[in-house]
Amino acid sequence: MAQRVHRPREDAEFDFILGMSTVPVLAYFIGTWPKAIEPCLVADLVVGGIADEYAGRLTAVRADITRCPAATERYGVTGAPSCVLLKEGEVVAAHGPGLLATAEVRKLVESHL
């Protein structure tokens, strides 16, 4: 996974990262239960690539649903993997739950940068 992807350990850290970002935030939510692991590993690759591609114009955050339950609820995440694009803390686009394809995530990001 790209080093440009933040990995908060709890809601407070997630909120801190959002508060410090001066650019849009692509937050993707992962799960650690058996059926979610494989698609979430794919999401790691997809979002890591997007984070590298849009370095300086986008902040990427990987949130574990069980470790960041308040953020999960706040953004209406119902399964993993899911992603939301945030501008100033507000959702401007979302995808999921379901497998994330690079082209879909890129289109989501480009339409709001």
PDB file of N, CA and C in Angstrom:
ATOM      1  N   MET A   1       0.849  -1.176   0.000  1.00  0.00           N
ATOM      2  CA  MET A   1       0.000   0.000   0.000  1.00  0.00           C
ATOM      3  C   MET A   1       0.894   1.239   0.000  1.00  0.00           C
ATOM      4  N   ALA A   2       0.415   2.253  -0.666  1.00  0.00           N
ATOM      5  CA  ALA A   2       1.176   3.492  -0.766  1.00  0.00           C
ATOM      6  C   ALA A   2       1.325   4.149   0.603  1.00  0.00           C
ATOM      7  N   GLN A   3       2.440   4.803   0.818  1.00  0.00           N
ATOM      8  CA  GLN A   3       2.660   5.509   2.075  1.00  0.00           C
ATOM      9  C   GLN A   3       1.794   6.765   2.165  1.00  0.00           C
ATOM     10  N   ARG A   4       1.223   7.185   1.066  1.00  0.00           N
ATOM     11  CA  ARG A   4       0.387   8.383   1.061  1.00  0.00           C
ATOM     12  C   ARG A   4      -0.995   8.118   1.659  1.00  0.00           C
ATOM     13  N   VAL A   5      -1.301   6.891   2.019  1.00  0.00           N
ATOM     14  CA  VAL A   5      -2.602   6.545   2.584  1.00  0.00           C
ATOM     15  C   VAL A   5      -2.496   6.522   4.104  1.00  0.00           C
ATOM     16  N   HIS A   6      -3.267   7.382   4.756  1.00  0.00           N
ATOM     17  CA  HIS A   6      -3.292   7.421   6.217  1.00  0.00           C
ATOM     18  C   HIS A   6      -4.111   6.241   6.738  1.00  0.00           C
ATOM     19  N   ARG A   7      -3.709   5.717   7.896  1.00  0.00           N
ATOM     20  CA  ARG A   7      -4.397   4.577   8.491  1.00  0.00           C
ATOM     21  C   ARG A   7      -4.730   4.872   9.950  1.00  0.00           C
ATOM     22  N   PRO A   8      -5.804   5.610  10.194  1.00  0.00           N
ATOM     23  CA  PRO A   8      -6.157   5.938  11.579  1.00  0.00           C
ATOM     24  C   PRO A   8      -6.540   4.696  12.375  1.00  0.00           C
ATOM     25  N   ARG A   9      -6.201   4.713  13.657  1.00  0.00           N
ATOM     26  CA  ARG A   9      -6.497   3.579  14.531  1.00  0.00           C
ATOM     27  C   ARG A   9      -7.816   3.747  15.276  1.00  0.00           C
ATOM     28  N   GLU A  10      -8.389   4.955  15.201  1.00  0.00           N
ATOM     29  CA  GLU A  10      -9.647   5.223  15.908  1.00  0.00           C
ATOM     30  C   GLU A  10     -10.302   6.456  15.307  1.00  0.00           C
ATOM     31  N   ASP A  11     -11.560   6.692  15.717  1.00  0.00           N
ATOM     32  CA  ASP A  11     -12.325   7.824  15.193  1.00  0.00           C
ATOM     33  C   ASP A  11     -11.639   9.162  15.417  1.00  0.00           C
ATOM     34  N   ALA A  12     -11.055   9.372  16.588  1.00  0.00           N
ATOM     35  CA  ALA A  12     -10.415  10.659  16.882  1.00  0.00           C
ATOM     36  C   ALA A  12      -9.274  10.935  15.903  1.00  0.00           C
ATOM     37  N   GLU A  13      -8.512   9.923  15.576  1.00  0.00           N
ATOM     38  CA  GLU A  13      -7.411  10.087  14.623  1.00  0.00           C
ATOM     39  C   GLU A  13      -7.961  10.335  13.213  1.00  0.00           C
ATOM     40  N   PHE A  14      -9.034   9.639  12.849  1.00  0.00           N
ATOM     41  CA  PHE A  14      -9.701   9.857  11.564  1.00  0.00           C
ATOM     42  C   PHE A  14     -10.135  11.320  11.457  1.00  0.00           C
ATOM     43  N   ASP A  15     -10.804  11.818  12.489  1.00  0.00           N
ATOM     44  CA  ASP A  15     -11.283  13.200  12.496  1.00  0.00           C
ATOM     45  C   ASP A  15     -10.129  14.198  12.449  1.00  0.00           C
ATOM     46  N   PHE A  16      -9.029  13.892  13.121  1.00  0.00           N
ATOM     47  CA  PHE A  16      -7.859  14.760  13.102  1.00  0.00           C
ATOM     48  C   PHE A  16      -7.305  14.877  11.677  1.00  0.00           C
ATOM     49  N   ILE A  17      -7.185  13.760  10.984  1.00  0.00           N
ATOM     50  CA  ILE A  17      -6.669  13.767   9.611  1.00  0.00           C
ATOM     51  C   ILE A  17      -7.577  14.599   8.713  1.00  0.00           C
ATOM     52  N   LEU A  18      -8.891  14.409   8.842  1.00  0.00           N
ATOM     53  CA  LEU A  18      -9.833  15.199   8.052  1.00  0.00           C
ATOM     54  C   LEU A  18      -9.689  16.685   8.347  1.00  0.00           C
ATOM     55  N   GLY A  19      -9.562  17.021   9.615  1.00  0.00           N
ATOM     56  CA  GLY A  19      -9.446  18.418  10.010  1.00  0.00           C
ATOM     57  C   GLY A  19      -8.177  19.083   9.521  1.00  0.00           C
ATOM     58  N   MET A  20      -7.119  18.319   9.348  1.00  0.00           N
ATOM     59  CA  MET A  20      -5.833  18.870   8.909  1.00  0.00           C
ATOM     60  C   MET A  20      -5.710  18.960   7.388  1.00  0.00           C
ATOM     61  N   SER A  21      -6.581  18.266   6.670  1.00  0.00           N
ATOM     62  CA  SER A  21      -6.458  18.237   5.215  1.00  0.00           C
ATOM     63  C   SER A  21      -6.954  19.534   4.589  1.00  0.00           C
ATOM     64  N   THR A  22      -6.166  20.058   3.675  1.00  0.00           N
ATOM     65  CA  THR A  22      -6.550  21.265   2.945  1.00  0.00           C
ATOM     66  C   THR A  22      -7.038  20.926   1.535  1.00  0.00           C
ATOM     67  N   VAL A  23      -7.073  19.647   1.233  1.00  0.00           N
ATOM     68  CA  VAL A  23      -7.525  19.158  -0.074  1.00  0.00           C
ATOM     69  C   VAL A  23      -8.644  18.144   0.158  1.00  0.00           C
ATOM     70  N   PRO A  24      -9.378  17.762  -0.891  1.00  0.00           N
ATOM     71  CA  PRO A  24     -10.414  16.746  -0.714  1.00  0.00           C
ATOM     72  C   PRO A  24      -9.833  15.460  -0.121  1.00  0.00           C
ATOM     73  N   VAL A  25     -10.689  14.713   0.594  1.00  0.00           N
ATOM     74  CA  VAL A  25     -10.271  13.473   1.250  1.00  0.00           C
ATOM     75  C   VAL A  25     -11.025  12.302   0.635  1.00  0.00           C
ATOM     76  N   LEU A  26     -10.281  11.312   0.180  1.00  0.00           N
ATOM     77  CA  LEU A  26     -10.871  10.058  -0.271  1.00  0.00           C
ATOM     78  C   LEU A  26     -10.739   9.079   0.891  1.00  0.00           C
ATOM     79  N   ALA A  27     -11.849   8.835   1.561  1.00  0.00           N
ATOM     80  CA  ALA A  27     -11.847   7.907   2.690  1.00  0.00           C
ATOM     81  C   ALA A  27     -12.432   6.589   2.216  1.00  0.00           C
ATOM     82  N   TYR A  28     -11.693   5.515   2.441  1.00  0.00           N
ATOM     83  CA  TYR A  28     -12.264   4.221   2.098  1.00  0.00           C
ATOM     84  C   TYR A  28     -12.279   3.363   3.340  1.00  0.00           C
ATOM     85  N   PHE A  29     -13.353   2.613   3.434  1.00  0.00           N
ATOM     86  CA  PHE A  29     -13.647   1.834   4.629  1.00  0.00           C
ATOM     87  C   PHE A  29     -13.482   0.364   4.317  1.00  0.00           C
ATOM     88  N   ILE A  30     -12.721  -0.299   5.192  1.00  0.00           N
ATOM     89  CA  ILE A  30     -12.436  -1.720   5.002  1.00  0.00           C
ATOM     90  C   ILE A  30     -13.019  -2.515   6.160  1.00  0.00           C
ATOM     91  N   GLY A  31     -13.172  -3.800   5.914  1.00  0.00           N
ATOM     92  CA  GLY A  31     -13.640  -4.709   6.955  1.00  0.00           C
ATOM     93  C   GLY A  31     -12.646  -5.838   7.125  1.00  0.00           C
ATOM     94  N   THR A  32     -12.660  -6.451   8.289  1.00  0.00           N
ATOM     95  CA  THR A  32     -11.701  -7.521   8.567  1.00  0.00           C
ATOM     96  C   THR A  32     -12.373  -8.881   8.714  1.00  0.00           C
ATOM     97  N   TRP A  33     -13.665  -8.963   8.402  1.00  0.00           N
ATOM     98  CA  TRP A  33     -14.329 -10.257   8.459  1.00  0.00           C
ATOM     99  C   TRP A  33     -13.997 -11.028   7.184  1.00  0.00           C
ATOM    100  N   PRO A  34     -14.104 -12.346   7.211  1.00  0.00           N
ATOM    101  CA  PRO A  34     -13.597 -13.185   6.110  1.00  0.00           C
ATOM    102  C   PRO A  34     -14.056 -12.796   4.704  1.00  0.00           C
ATOM    103  N   LYS A  35     -15.316 -12.505   4.495  1.00  0.00           N
ATOM    104  CA  LYS A  35     -15.788 -12.187   3.144  1.00  0.00           C
ATOM    105  C   LYS A  35     -15.327 -10.815   2.663  1.00  0.00           C
ATOM    106  N   ALA A  36     -14.896  -9.964   3.548  1.00  0.00           N
ATOM    107  CA  ALA A  36     -14.479  -8.614   3.159  1.00  0.00           C
ATOM    108  C   ALA A  36     -12.986  -8.510   2.891  1.00  0.00           C
ATOM    109  N   ILE A  37     -12.214  -9.444   3.378  1.00  0.00           N
ATOM    110  CA  ILE A  37     -10.753  -9.301   3.305  1.00  0.00           C
ATOM    111  C   ILE A  37     -10.241  -9.170   1.876  1.00  0.00           C
ATOM    112  N   GLU A  38     -10.622 -10.056   0.990  1.00  0.00           N
ATOM    113  CA  GLU A  38     -10.090 -10.018  -0.374  1.00  0.00           C
ATOM    114  C   GLU A  38     -10.475  -8.739  -1.117  1.00  0.00           C
ATOM    115  N   PRO A  39     -11.763  -8.335  -1.129  1.00  0.00           N
ATOM    116  CA  PRO A  39     -12.074  -7.082  -1.820  1.00  0.00           C
ATOM    117  C   PRO A  39     -11.408  -5.862  -1.169  1.00  0.00           C
ATOM    118  N   CYS A  40     -11.182  -5.921   0.122  1.00  0.00           N
ATOM    119  CA  CYS A  40     -10.524  -4.801   0.798  1.00  0.00           C
ATOM    120  C   CYS A  40      -9.046  -4.737   0.448  1.00  0.00           C
ATOM    121  N   LEU A  41      -8.422  -5.871   0.204  1.00  0.00           N
ATOM    122  CA  LEU A  41      -7.032  -5.874  -0.252  1.00  0.00           C
ATOM    123  C   LEU A  41      -6.933  -5.247  -1.639  1.00  0.00           C
ATOM    124  N   VAL A  42      -7.921  -5.520  -2.485  1.00  0.00           N
ATOM    125  CA  VAL A  42      -7.959  -4.886  -3.810  1.00  0.00           C
ATOM    126  C   VAL A  42      -8.134  -3.373  -3.640  1.00  0.00           C
ATOM    127  N   ALA A  43      -9.010  -2.971  -2.718  1.00  0.00           N
ATOM    128  CA  ALA A  43      -9.224  -1.536  -2.461  1.00  0.00           C
ATOM    129  C   ALA A  43      -7.925  -0.865  -2.025  1.00  0.00           C
ATOM    130  N   ASP A  44      -7.117  -1.567  -1.220  1.00  0.00           N
ATOM    131  CA  ASP A  44      -5.818  -1.018  -0.812  1.00  0.00           C
ATOM    132  C   ASP A  44      -4.969  -0.669  -2.035  1.00  0.00           C
ATOM    133  N   LEU A  45      -4.936  -1.571  -3.005  1.00  0.00           N
ATOM    134  CA  LEU A  45      -4.142  -1.342  -4.213  1.00  0.00           C
ATOM    135  C   LEU A  45      -4.713  -0.198  -5.043  1.00  0.00           C
ATOM    136  N   VAL A  46      -6.027  -0.199  -5.222  1.00  0.00           N
ATOM    137  CA  VAL A  46      -6.682   0.829  -6.027  1.00  0.00           C
ATOM    138  C   VAL A  46      -6.472   2.213  -5.409  1.00  0.00           C
ATOM    139  N   VAL A  47      -6.803   2.355  -4.143  1.00  0.00           N
ATOM    140  CA  VAL A  47      -6.696   3.668  -3.500  1.00  0.00           C
ATOM    141  C   VAL A  47      -5.239   4.085  -3.348  1.00  0.00           C
ATOM    142  N   GLY A  48      -4.351   3.141  -3.104  1.00  0.00           N
ATOM    143  CA  GLY A  48      -2.929   3.466  -3.033  1.00  0.00           C
ATOM    144  C   GLY A  48      -2.438   4.066  -4.344  1.00  0.00           C
ATOM    145  N   GLY A  49      -2.870   3.489  -5.460  1.00  0.00           N
ATOM    146  CA  GLY A  49      -2.500   4.018  -6.772  1.00  0.00           C
ATOM    147  C   GLY A  49      -3.090   5.396  -7.020  1.00  0.00           C
ATOM    148  N   ILE A  50      -4.347   5.578  -6.630  1.00  0.00           N
ATOM    149  CA  ILE A  50      -5.004   6.878  -6.789  1.00  0.00           C
ATOM    150  C   ILE A  50      -4.301   7.925  -5.918  1.00  0.00           C
ATOM    151  N   ALA A  51      -3.944   7.551  -4.695  1.00  0.00           N
ATOM    152  CA  ALA A  51      -3.244   8.476  -3.788  1.00  0.00           C
ATOM    153  C   ALA A  51      -1.921   8.919  -4.393  1.00  0.00           C
ATOM    154  N   ASP A  52      -1.204   7.996  -5.014  1.00  0.00           N
ATOM    155  CA  ASP A  52       0.056   8.355  -5.671  1.00  0.00           C
ATOM    156  C   ASP A  52      -0.197   9.274  -6.866  1.00  0.00           C
ATOM    157  N   GLU A  53      -1.209   8.931  -7.648  1.00  0.00           N
ATOM    158  CA  GLU A  53      -1.525   9.687  -8.858  1.00  0.00           C
ATOM    159  C   GLU A  53      -1.951  11.125  -8.548  1.00  0.00           C
ATOM    160  N   TYR A  54      -2.677  11.311  -7.460  1.00  0.00           N
ATOM    161  CA  TYR A  54      -3.209  12.627  -7.112  1.00  0.00           C
ATOM    162  C   TYR A  54      -2.495  13.235  -5.906  1.00  0.00           C
ATOM    163  N   ALA A  55      -1.263  12.860  -5.712  1.00  0.00           N
ATOM    164  CA  ALA A  55      -0.473  13.378  -4.588  1.00  0.00           C
ATOM    165  C   ALA A  55      -0.475  14.899  -4.596  1.00  0.00           C
ATOM    166  N   GLY A  56      -0.755  15.471  -3.418  1.00  0.00           N
ATOM    167  CA  GLY A  56      -0.798  16.917  -3.286  1.00  0.00           C
ATOM    168  C   GLY A  56      -2.160  17.518  -3.581  1.00  0.00           C
ATOM    169  N   ARG A  57      -3.014  16.765  -4.275  1.00  0.00           N
ATOM    170  CA  ARG A  57      -4.357  17.261  -4.604  1.00  0.00           C
ATOM    171  C   ARG A  57      -5.445  16.472  -3.878  1.00  0.00           C
ATOM    172  N   LEU A  58      -5.043  15.428  -3.141  1.00  0.00           N
ATOM    173  CA  LEU A  58      -5.993  14.530  -2.505  1.00  0.00           C
ATOM    174  C   LEU A  58      -5.340  13.886  -1.290  1.00  0.00           C
ATOM    175  N   THR A  59      -6.105  13.752  -0.220  1.00  0.00           N
ATOM    176  CA  THR A  59      -5.657  12.999   0.947  1.00  0.00           C
ATOM    177  C   THR A  59      -6.429  11.691   0.965  1.00  0.00           C
ATOM    178  N   ALA A  60      -5.740  10.571   1.113  1.00  0.00           N
ATOM    179  CA  ALA A  60      -6.393   9.264   1.168  1.00  0.00           C
ATOM    180  C   ALA A  60      -6.327   8.722   2.596  1.00  0.00           C
ATOM    181  N   VAL A  61      -7.457   8.173   3.046  1.00  0.00           N
ATOM    182  CA  VAL A  61      -7.560   7.638   4.407  1.00  0.00           C
ATOM    183  C   VAL A  61      -8.201   6.260   4.342  1.00  0.00           C
ATOM    184  N   ARG A  62      -7.548   5.292   4.976  1.00  0.00           N
ATOM    185  CA  ARG A  62      -8.061   3.914   5.056  1.00  0.00           C
ATOM    186  C   ARG A  62      -8.603   3.704   6.462  1.00  0.00           C
ATOM    187  N   ALA A  63      -9.909   3.537   6.575  1.00  0.00           N
ATOM    188  CA  ALA A  63     -10.540   3.393   7.885  1.00  0.00           C
ATOM    189  C   ALA A  63     -11.127   1.999   8.051  1.00  0.00           C
ATOM    190  N   ASP A  64     -10.758   1.348   9.140  1.00  0.00           N
ATOM    191  CA  ASP A  64     -11.331   0.050   9.488  1.00  0.00           C
ATOM    192  C   ASP A  64     -12.694   0.304  10.138  1.00  0.00           C
ATOM    193  N   ILE A  65     -13.722  -0.317   9.609  1.00  0.00           N
ATOM    194  CA  ILE A  65     -15.083  -0.108  10.100  1.00  0.00           C
ATOM    195  C   ILE A  65     -15.202  -0.373  11.600  1.00  0.00           C
ATOM    196  N   THR A  66     -14.506  -1.376  12.108  1.00  0.00           N
ATOM    197  CA  THR A  66     -14.618  -1.706  13.531  1.00  0.00           C
ATOM    198  C   THR A  66     -13.834  -0.746  14.417  1.00  0.00           C
ATOM    199  N   ARG A  67     -12.811  -0.113  13.886  1.00  0.00           N
ATOM    200  CA  ARG A  67     -12.003   0.823  14.675  1.00  0.00           C
ATOM    201  C   ARG A  67     -12.505   2.262  14.578  1.00  0.00           C
ATOM    202  N   CYS A  68     -13.269   2.554  13.536  1.00  0.00           N
ATOM    203  CA  CYS A  68     -13.794   3.906  13.328  1.00  0.00           C
ATOM    204  C   CYS A  68     -15.315   3.842  13.145  1.00  0.00           C
ATOM    205  N   PRO A  69     -16.028   3.357  14.158  1.00  0.00           N
ATOM    206  CA  PRO A  69     -17.479   3.182  14.001  1.00  0.00           C
ATOM    207  C   PRO A  69     -18.246   4.495  13.847  1.00  0.00           C
ATOM    208  N   ALA A  70     -17.808   5.560  14.489  1.00  0.00           N
ATOM    209  CA  ALA A  70     -18.519   6.836  14.374  1.00  0.00           C
ATOM    210  C   ALA A  70     -18.396   7.393  12.955  1.00  0.00           C
ATOM    211  N   ALA A  71     -17.208   7.325  12.371  1.00  0.00           N
ATOM    212  CA  ALA A  71     -17.011   7.787  10.992  1.00  0.00           C
ATOM    213  C   ALA A  71     -17.815   6.918  10.031  1.00  0.00           C
ATOM    214  N   THR A  72     -17.822   5.622  10.288  1.00  0.00           N
ATOM    215  CA  THR A  72     -18.590   4.695   9.451  1.00  0.00           C
ATOM    216  C   THR A  72     -20.060   5.095   9.436  1.00  0.00           C
ATOM    217  N   GLU A  73     -20.601   5.361  10.594  1.00  0.00           N
ATOM    218  CA  GLU A  73     -22.005   5.747  10.703  1.00  0.00           C
ATOM    219  C   GLU A  73     -22.250   7.138  10.116  1.00  0.00           C
ATOM    220  N   ARG A  74     -21.378   8.077  10.425  1.00  0.00           N
ATOM    221  CA  ARG A  74     -21.520   9.461   9.963  1.00  0.00           C
ATOM    222  C   ARG A  74     -21.631   9.552   8.446  1.00  0.00           C
ATOM    223  N   TYR A  75     -20.864   8.719   7.745  1.00  0.00           N
ATOM    224  CA  TYR A  75     -20.838   8.796   6.293  1.00  0.00           C
ATOM    225  C   TYR A  75     -21.718   7.747   5.618  1.00  0.00           C
ATOM    226  N   GLY A  76     -22.552   7.075   6.389  1.00  0.00           N
ATOM    227  CA  GLY A  76     -23.530   6.147   5.826  1.00  0.00           C
ATOM    228  C   GLY A  76     -22.950   4.896   5.215  1.00  0.00           C
ATOM    229  N   VAL A  77     -21.787   4.484   5.683  1.00  0.00           N
ATOM    230  CA  VAL A  77     -21.146   3.280   5.159  1.00  0.00           C
ATOM    231  C   VAL A  77     -21.878   2.061   5.701  1.00  0.00           C
ATOM    232  N   THR A  78     -22.303   1.183   4.795  1.00  0.00           N
ATOM    233  CA  THR A  78     -23.066  -0.003   5.193  1.00  0.00           C
ATOM    234  C   THR A  78     -22.335  -1.315   4.948  1.00  0.00           C
ATOM    235  N   GLY A  79     -21.165  -1.268   4.346  1.00  0.00           N
ATOM    236  CA  GLY A  79     -20.397  -2.477   4.084  1.00  0.00           C
ATOM    237  C   GLY A  79     -19.026  -2.124   3.571  1.00  0.00           C
ATOM    238  N   ALA A  80     -18.221  -3.151   3.399  1.00  0.00           N
ATOM    239  CA  ALA A  80     -16.838  -2.928   2.983  1.00  0.00           C
ATOM    240  C   ALA A  80     -16.507  -3.766   1.755  1.00  0.00           C
ATOM    241  N   PRO A  81     -15.685  -3.222   0.888  1.00  0.00           N
ATOM    242  CA  PRO A  81     -15.130  -1.874   0.913  1.00  0.00           C
ATOM    243  C   PRO A  81     -16.128  -0.845   0.385  1.00  0.00           C
ATOM    244  N   SER A  82     -16.020   0.340   0.908  1.00  0.00           N
ATOM    245  CA  SER A  82     -16.800   1.494   0.467  1.00  0.00           C
ATOM    246  C   SER A  82     -15.875   2.701   0.480  1.00  0.00           C
ATOM    247  N   CYS A  83     -16.174   3.690  -0.347  1.00  0.00           N
ATOM    248  CA  CYS A  83     -15.373   4.903  -0.290  1.00  0.00           C
ATOM    249  C   CYS A  83     -16.276   6.123  -0.399  1.00  0.00           C
ATOM    250  N   VAL A  84     -15.829   7.183   0.215  1.00  0.00           N
ATOM    251  CA  VAL A  84     -16.521   8.464   0.147  1.00  0.00           C
ATOM    252  C   VAL A  84     -15.492   9.541  -0.151  1.00  0.00           C
ATOM    253  N   LEU A  85     -15.878  10.479  -0.968  1.00  0.00           N
ATOM    254  CA  LEU A  85     -15.028  11.622  -1.254  1.00  0.00           C
ATOM    255  C   LEU A  85     -15.595  12.798  -0.479  1.00  0.00           C
ATOM    256  N   LEU A  86     -14.751  13.418   0.332  1.00  0.00           N
ATOM    257  CA  LEU A  86     -15.178  14.499   1.220  1.00  0.00           C
ATOM    258  C   LEU A  86     -14.494  15.796   0.833  1.00  0.00           C
ATOM    259  N   LYS A  87     -15.269  16.869   0.858  1.00  0.00           N
ATOM    260  CA  LYS A  87     -14.735  18.225   0.715  1.00  0.00           C
ATOM    261  C   LYS A  87     -15.221  19.000   1.922  1.00  0.00           C
ATOM    262  N   GLU A  88     -14.271  19.514   2.679  1.00  0.00           N
ATOM    263  CA  GLU A  88     -14.572  20.244   3.912  1.00  0.00           C
ATOM    264  C   GLU A  88     -15.488  19.430   4.827  1.00  0.00           C
ATOM    265  N   GLY A  89     -15.240  18.116   4.882  1.00  0.00           N
ATOM    266  CA  GLY A  89     -15.969  17.220   5.772  1.00  0.00           C
ATOM    267  C   GLY A  89     -17.309  16.752   5.267  1.00  0.00           C
ATOM    268  N   GLU A  90     -17.744  17.225   4.105  1.00  0.00           N
ATOM    269  CA  GLU A  90     -19.038  16.854   3.543  1.00  0.00           C
ATOM    270  C   GLU A  90     -18.858  15.868   2.393  1.00  0.00           C
ATOM    271  N   VAL A  91     -19.731  14.871   2.327  1.00  0.00           N
ATOM    272  CA  VAL A  91     -19.682  13.880   1.254  1.00  0.00           C
ATOM    273  C   VAL A  91     -20.119  14.534  -0.051  1.00  0.00           C
ATOM    274  N   VAL A  92     -19.267  14.430  -1.073  1.00  0.00           N
ATOM    275  CA  VAL A  92     -19.621  14.931  -2.403  1.00  0.00           C
ATOM    276  C   VAL A  92     -19.808  13.796  -3.400  1.00  0.00           C
ATOM    277  N   ALA A  93     -19.310  12.603  -3.052  1.00  0.00           N
ATOM    278  CA  ALA A  93     -19.478  11.427  -3.895  1.00  0.00           C
ATOM    279  C   ALA A  93     -19.201  10.188  -3.055  1.00  0.00           C
ATOM    280  N   ALA A  94     -19.784   9.072  -3.463  1.00  0.00           N
ATOM    281  CA  ALA A  94     -19.578   7.824  -2.726  1.00  0.00           C
ATOM    282  C   ALA A  94     -19.672   6.634  -3.674  1.00  0.00           C
ATOM    283  N   HIS A  95     -19.062   5.544  -3.263  1.00  0.00           N
ATOM    284  CA  HIS A  95     -19.115   4.284  -4.009  1.00  0.00           C
ATOM    285  C   HIS A  95     -19.127   3.138  -3.013  1.00  0.00           C
ATOM    286  N   GLY A  96     -19.984   2.194  -3.248  1.00  0.00           N
ATOM    287  CA  GLY A  96     -19.963   0.990  -2.428  1.00  0.00           C
ATOM    288  C   GLY A  96     -21.229   0.811  -1.630  1.00  0.00           C
ATOM    289  N   PRO A  97     -21.269  -0.271  -0.920  1.00  0.00           N
ATOM    290  CA  PRO A  97     -20.170  -1.214  -0.771  1.00  0.00           C
ATOM    291  C   PRO A  97     -19.990  -2.086  -2.008  1.00  0.00           C
ATOM    292  N   GLY A  98     -18.801  -2.552  -2.167  1.00  0.00           N
ATOM    293  CA  GLY A  98     -18.462  -3.433  -3.274  1.00  0.00           C
ATOM    294  C   GLY A  98     -17.065  -3.171  -3.776  1.00  0.00           C
ATOM    295  N   LEU A  99     -16.637  -4.034  -4.645  1.00  0.00           N
ATOM    296  CA  LEU A  99     -15.292  -3.975  -5.200  1.00  0.00           C
ATOM    297  C   LEU A  99     -15.044  -2.618  -5.855  1.00  0.00           C
ATOM    298  N   LEU A 100     -13.893  -2.053  -5.579  1.00  0.00           N
ATOM    299  CA  LEU A 100     -13.521  -0.758  -6.140  1.00  0.00           C
ATOM    300  C   LEU A 100     -12.614  -0.964  -7.346  1.00  0.00           C
ATOM    301  N   ALA A 101     -13.012  -0.426  -8.478  1.00  0.00           N
ATOM    302  CA  ALA A 101     -12.186  -0.476  -9.682  1.00  0.00           C
ATOM    303  C   ALA A 101     -11.471   0.865  -9.836  1.00  0.00           C
ATOM    304  N   THR A 102     -10.260   0.826 -10.303  1.00  0.00           N
ATOM    305  CA  THR A 102      -9.461   2.042 -10.448  1.00  0.00           C
ATOM    306  C   THR A 102     -10.176   3.084 -11.293  1.00  0.00           C
ATOM    307  N   ALA A 103     -10.755   2.679 -12.412  1.00  0.00           N
ATOM    308  CA  ALA A 103     -11.422   3.633 -13.301  1.00  0.00           C
ATOM    309  C   ALA A 103     -12.600   4.306 -12.598  1.00  0.00           C
ATOM    310  N   GLU A 104     -13.349   3.553 -11.797  1.00  0.00           N
ATOM    311  CA  GLU A 104     -14.495   4.125 -11.091  1.00  0.00           C
ATOM    312  C   GLU A 104     -14.050   5.139 -10.048  1.00  0.00           C
ATOM    313  N   VAL A 105     -13.021   4.796  -9.299  1.00  0.00           N
ATOM    314  CA  VAL A 105     -12.526   5.695  -8.259  1.00  0.00           C
ATOM    315  C   VAL A 105     -11.907   6.940  -8.886  1.00  0.00           C
ATOM    316  N   ARG A 106     -11.160   6.757  -9.950  1.00  0.00           N
ATOM    317  CA  ARG A 106     -10.565   7.900 -10.659  1.00  0.00           C
ATOM    318  C   ARG A 106     -11.650   8.842 -11.156  1.00  0.00           C
ATOM    319  N   LYS A 107     -12.715   8.297 -11.746  1.00  0.00           N
ATOM    320  CA  LYS A 107     -13.829   9.118 -12.243  1.00  0.00           C
ATOM    321  C   LYS A 107     -14.502   9.870 -11.089  1.00  0.00           C
ATOM    322  N   LEU A 108     -14.693   9.204  -9.974  1.00  0.00           N
ATOM    323  CA  LEU A 108     -15.290   9.818  -8.796  1.00  0.00           C
ATOM    324  C   LEU A 108     -14.435  10.992  -8.321  1.00  0.00           C
ATOM    325  N   VAL A 109     -13.132  10.787  -8.263  1.00  0.00           N
ATOM    326  CA  VAL A 109     -12.207  11.824  -7.799  1.00  0.00           C
ATOM    327  C   VAL A 109     -12.139  12.974  -8.796  1.00  0.00           C
ATOM    328  N   GLU A 110     -11.956  12.666 -10.057  1.00  0.00           N
ATOM    329  CA  GLU A 110     -11.782  13.712 -11.074  1.00  0.00           C
ATOM    330  C   GLU A 110     -13.011  14.605 -11.199  1.00  0.00           C
ATOM    331  N   SER A 111     -14.189  14.056 -10.967  1.00  0.00           N
ATOM    332  CA  SER A 111     -15.400  14.862 -11.114  1.00  0.00           C
ATOM    333  C   SER A 111     -15.563  15.879  -9.992  1.00  0.00           C
ATOM    334  N   HIS A 112     -14.718  15.780  -8.945  1.00  0.00           N
ATOM    335  CA  HIS A 112     -14.863  16.685  -7.811  1.00  0.00           C
ATOM    336  C   HIS A 112     -13.578  17.391  -7.394  1.00  0.00           C
ATOM    337  N   LEU A 113     -12.540  17.307  -8.202  1.00  0.00           N
ATOM    338  CA  LEU A 113     -11.301  18.039  -7.868  1.00  0.00           C
ATOM    339  C   LEU A 113     -11.326  19.411  -8.487  1.00  0.00           C
TER     340      LEU A 113
END
